[in-house]
Amino acid sequence: MLTVAVFLLCAASCVATPASGGASGPRLNNNQLYKFSYTTEVLVDRARGSKEGSAGYKISSDVDVNLVWRDPSNKDEQLIQLKISNVRADPLSRRSEKKNVFHGTTVESLMGKTRQAALTKPFFVHLRNGKVKAFYSYWAEPALIKNLKRGVSSLLQLQLHTGKVIENDVSGRCIVVYQPKNNQVTRTKFLETCQTAETGFTTHSQVLGVTRKSSSVTVFTLEDGFIRSAVAEEKHLLIVNAYRSSSAKVLSRQSFTLVGTEAGPLEMAGKDAAVVVKSIDAKIAAVGIKAEKIKTRCKTCPSLLEHWQVLQNKLEPGSLSKATAPRSFLALIQSIRKATKNDILKLLKSASKTSLPQVVDAVTSSQTTASLDAMIEFLNFTDAKGMVLQERFLYACGFASHPDERMLQTLLDIFKGKIGSPDIKESVVIIMGALVRKLCQKGGCDLPTVVEVKKMILEGPDSTQKESEVQMFLLALKNSLLPEAIPIFTKYTESQVGAYSTIALTSLQRYDVTLMTDEVKKTVNRIYHQNRRIYEKNVRAAAADVILTSKPSNMEIKNLLLSIGHLPHEMNKYMLSKVLDILRFHLPASKVLRQVMRDMISHNYDRFSKFGSSSSYSGFMAQSVDVTSTYSLDILYSGSGILRRSNMNIYGASKGAMLHGLQVAIEAQGLESLIATTPDEGEGDLESFAGMSALLFDVQLRPVTFFKGYSDLMSKMFSMTGEPMNVVKGLILLTDHSEVIQLQSGLKASGEFQGGLAIDISGGMEISLWYRESKTSVNNRGALVVSGNVTVDMDFMSAGLEVSFGTEASLDFITTVQFSEYPFLVCMQMDKSTFPVSEYIKKHESLSSGKSVVSRKSHKLLVPGSEFPLHQENSNMCKKVFDSSS
């Protein structure tokens, strides 16, 4: 065993070190001065932009390198001095005087005397076996200057043999692979592994998020054991997943070339490198090779209140359907993120009554400590009159792009305190479920507050007898998608209360199919086939949805098909339509369905010729290289022609990721007495009710009730105006990505992408007994803006790119039912209006003096409106409805 261990250690040492007598890294000769030319350039552009049209700059200089000290016992341990001189700044390519921001400037006028003097002071690198052991410079130097020196020093770090190692350099602590070939060595740095002090944040949703792809390759050419040249190229692509034309790139290049040698100073004697450096200048110290943070301060930016004065009119309710609203919303968030708590409170108190809800959206979406503290101090949850602002705050928390434990703790504290409105109490708990899911997605499931909230919502449904509270906890669990909640949902699917069953079944449908256990499947099949008792139609329909989306077996599909023909009339038609839609749209269950339908008992004319008005239909809303958007419409009626359930869904898919963008469900029950008809089986004792539920961007919101109980129904009947009831209205931060990219040259690039949505979703239900007609509507109005800003800022000069995409759109879904005869007439319409799309690109290069060069491009187009196609049977029925109304 000992022999094996020794062998393995020897083998490992052979891989880790070169052959005996060989150099581990570059070696400098004593009494020799190496003269290098050094160039670093950086450009910022769209992903497919060329160098000529890019924004950026180039810094050139001379660099003198010489050996200061070498360890007598190890030739590969060296202290090297570097000195930068003759610094120049130029544009990336030849430009006219008008377009050359550097025309007429000098390095001293650009940088200032202090920075220039600091940059030309010598600095030292301690190399051991080709790796940077220490970097020495002056503590008092500006961080930017030290970072530029670190960028040059990183080009001396070199390994002469093949291998994968972890190295520290200006980029951070990174995994690096070396590949030598002839007189060249290629160094590939895996930038995604680099650990740096500066971390950013990004949206939890992959569909709405930003992806960074990075590469870094340095090619060293060697001569006489030292570096003849080093050429590095580093590329960062920031890709907006949902709209790739708004993507940006940062490209950085370094060139370090030996131009000659001459006699230099003799190496010094000393105990070690640190002692030698101290003897040269006591003010020089080991400051670390990793880049330092650079604090930038905007000298011309307006204060938060000044900025608000400019934006206020664009955030009034009447402007929310325009693209200027989300654009102003994003700009306000940027200002709030830099503001103090007191400044934010002044903003909240100065806003008009009509614009205040939009300000609450922006302040909450900023997700800073100051903004959260300001909101908690501003809102009074004990006052029921403040419900609108309180709910806007809660919804903005639910849509938070990168929530932290403190936000969840804040909501928990609100829940434990006194809350004036029962509706707000429900929203607090429901939104806590959404935050639990997002924190768990980031690996925070074991955080103390998350553990406490998980326990509360998991135990919640069984801890109360109050129907509204049971629903509240079930909806919170629906948002959380905790695997531990699956047994709870399975239990509540068979509840005597139909609302519990529906919530539980729709929640199970959101889980990954791999979590659907045999127990879950048995329970759901039992409900659909009514093996133990009679269920409401909408509960059975929800159970069927779970079966069909959970990798059904051949037997499950066969039993489901055999049930068609033995269901209530409208349920027969709904299930038939659902099966045909799966086949037509090639949904996952279609393969099993086709196999089972080869059997004539399951698939025959009698079974597949059922009539009725209920339907299920799926289609494409939009298809592009980036995102595929689909919609589905499910309509289930009672046997008397009254709407039982209407369910509209919109999904977005990108690169294998799925986002449930929108779900609007309208449910009604117990309305048969209005038209003197008999309720369907199992629905005779249902209380009169109609309500609407919305799920937006994977977050379930608090349901809205149109009416509940016969007396409430009658009062609403006589006071109906036909105006839709608002379900959700506000501004949502969809995309939120911020990061600092540390370049190997020592420069830093900052990338920020935000996507804002102004949305107004409303729905209504109108019943006319005189005309024996009912109408339900779901109206969606929205404006979307995605903007990105990538900048390389050296304080005294900067280059950047701004990209923006905006659109305004509306989508209406209207169902008209005429129940004067049977089969009754049903017409469904799903319309989108003509909408504009605009793109904007701005590239800029600027100096601290105020001089700048800016180029702008914009593109606008109109996308014609259309009515989304539904099945042919619907088109025929709409024609009859319109003919009878004319």
Foldseek 3Di string as FASTA:
>chain_A
DVVVVVVVVVVVVPQVADDPPDAFFFAFDFQKKFKKKKKKWKWKDAPPDDLVPTWIKMKIWMKIKHWAAADPVARQWTKMKIFTDDIDMFHSDDDDPQQTLCPPHGPCRLQNPLLVVQLGDMWMFTGHSLATPFTKGFPPHALLSVLLVQLVVVQSRDGQDFDWDWGQAQQATWIWTWDDDDQKIKIKTDSVRHDAPFWWAWFLFPLQTKDKDKIKMKMFGDDPRHTQKIKMKIKIKIARLNDRSQIMMMIMIMIIHGPDMDGHHGHDDDDHDQVSVCVVPVSMDGPGRYRDDHDFDDPPDDALVVLCVVLQVCQFPVNLLDQSNQVSLVVSLVRLLPDALVSLLVVLVPHDPRNNLQSLLSLLLNQDPSSVVNVVVVDDQQDPVCVSSLLSNLVSLLQHRQHDLVSLVVLVVSLVDHGNDPQSNLSSLLSSLLVLQRCVSVVNCPPPSNVVSVVCLLCFLVPDPDPSRNLSSLSSPLNNVDLSCLVVLLVQLPDPDQSSVLSSLVSLLPHDLVSCDPSSLVSLLCQLVVVPHDDDLSSNVSSVSSCQRNQHDLVSLQVLLLCQVVDPQQSNAQSLQVLVQCCVVVPVSNVSNVVNCVDCSSPDDNRNVRDADWHKHKDWPDDDLSKTKMKMWGWTAWPLFHTAKIWIWIWIDGPHGIWGAKIKMKGWADCCVLQVDQTDPPRRPDWTWIWMWMDHRSRTGRIGTPATGPVRVVVCQVVPPVDWAWDDFHKHWNIWIWTWRQDSSSWIKIKTKIKMKGKTWTKDKHADSVQQKIKIKIKIWMKMKMKMKMKTDSNFKIKIKIKMKIKTKMWMWMWMWRSPDPVTFIAIWIKIAKMKMKMKMKIKIAGPVGRIRMDIDMDMDIDHMDIDDDDPVNVVSVVVVVVVVD
